[in-house]
Amino acid sequence: MLKTLGILIGGVFVGAVSAEVVRKKYPDTMDKMRAKARQITSEAKESFKNGYQNATRAKLSTA
């Protein structure tokens, strides 16, 4: 278990360092990717809310 935890912490560290290197080398690309991720997340959240509302309305109308 300790070995697995070490691998996990090492992976997080390597990922963070890699992201920082890429961010410094290509700042515009990272900003575009971050904006796209925000857009996808907000659209997914909105879709979930709409689907949930439709499902609860349908459930209430059949009950």
Protein backbone atom coordinates (compact mmCIF):
# COMPACT_ATOMS: atom_id res chain seq x y z
CA MET A 1 0.00 0.00 0.00
CA LEU A 2 2.86 2.36 0.77
CA LYS A 3 4.37 1.64 -2.64
CA THR A 4 1.07 2.45 -4.35
CA LEU A 5 0.76 5.69 -2.41
CA GLY A 6 4.31 6.63 -3.41
CA ILE A 7 3.54 5.95 -7.07
CA LEU A 8 0.36 8.04 -6.83
CA ILE A 9 2.17 11.00 -5.23
CA GLY A 10 5.00 10.71 -7.77
CA GLY A 11 2.51 10.68 -10.64
CA VAL A 12 0.74 13.76 -9.32
CA PHE A 13 4.08 15.55 -8.94
CA VAL A 14 5.25 14.62 -12.44
CA GLY A 15 1.89 15.64 -13.89
CA ALA A 16 1.98 19.01 -12.12
CA VAL A 17 5.54 19.74 -13.26
CA SER A 18 4.69 18.72 -16.83
CA ALA A 19 1.59 20.93 -16.85
CA GLU A 20 3.64 23.86 -15.55
CA VAL A 21 6.33 23.39 -18.22
CA VAL A 22 3.71 23.22 -20.98
CA ARG A 23 1.90 26.26 -19.53
CA LYS A 24 5.07 28.35 -19.56
CA LYS A 25 6.03 27.24 -23.06
CA TYR A 26 2.56 27.54 -24.63
CA PRO A 27 0.47 29.93 -22.50
CA ASP A 28 -2.14 30.65 -25.20
CA THR A 29 -2.78 26.97 -25.81
CA MET A 30 -3.30 26.30 -22.12
CA ASP A 31 -5.73 29.22 -21.84
CA LYS A 32 -7.71 27.90 -24.81
CA MET A 33 -7.78 24.40 -23.33
CA ARG A 34 -8.90 25.74 -19.95
CA ALA A 35 -11.68 27.79 -21.58
CA LYS A 36 -12.83 24.78 -23.60
CA ALA A 37 -12.87 22.59 -20.48
CA ARG A 38 -14.96 25.21 -18.66
CA GLN A 39 -17.38 25.39 -21.57
CA ILE A 40 -17.76 21.60 -21.74
CA THR A 41 -18.27 21.39 -17.98
CA SER A 42 -20.93 24.10 -17.92
CA GLU A 43 -22.76 22.53 -20.88
CA ALA A 44 -22.70 19.13 -19.20
CA LYS A 45 -24.01 20.65 -15.97
CA GLU A 46 -26.83 22.41 -17.83
CA SER A 47 -27.73 19.23 -19.71
CA PHE A 48 -27.84 17.28 -16.47
CA LYS A 49 -30.12 19.88 -14.86
CA ASN A 50 -32.47 19.85 -17.86
CA GLY A 51 -32.57 16.06 -17.96
CA TYR A 52 -33.21 15.87 -14.23
CA GLN A 53 -36.05 18.39 -14.46
CA ASN A 54 -37.60 16.51 -17.39
CA ALA A 55 -37.34 13.22 -15.53
CA THR A 56 -38.90 14.58 -12.35
CA ARG A 57 -41.73 16.23 -14.31
CA ALA A 58 -42.44 12.99 -16.13
CA LYS A 59 -42.41 11.08 -12.85
CA LEU A 60 -44.79 13.54 -11.20
CA SER A 61 -47.21 13.53 -14.14
CA THR A 62 -47.45 9.70 -14.15
CA ALA A 63 -47.86 9.39 -10.36
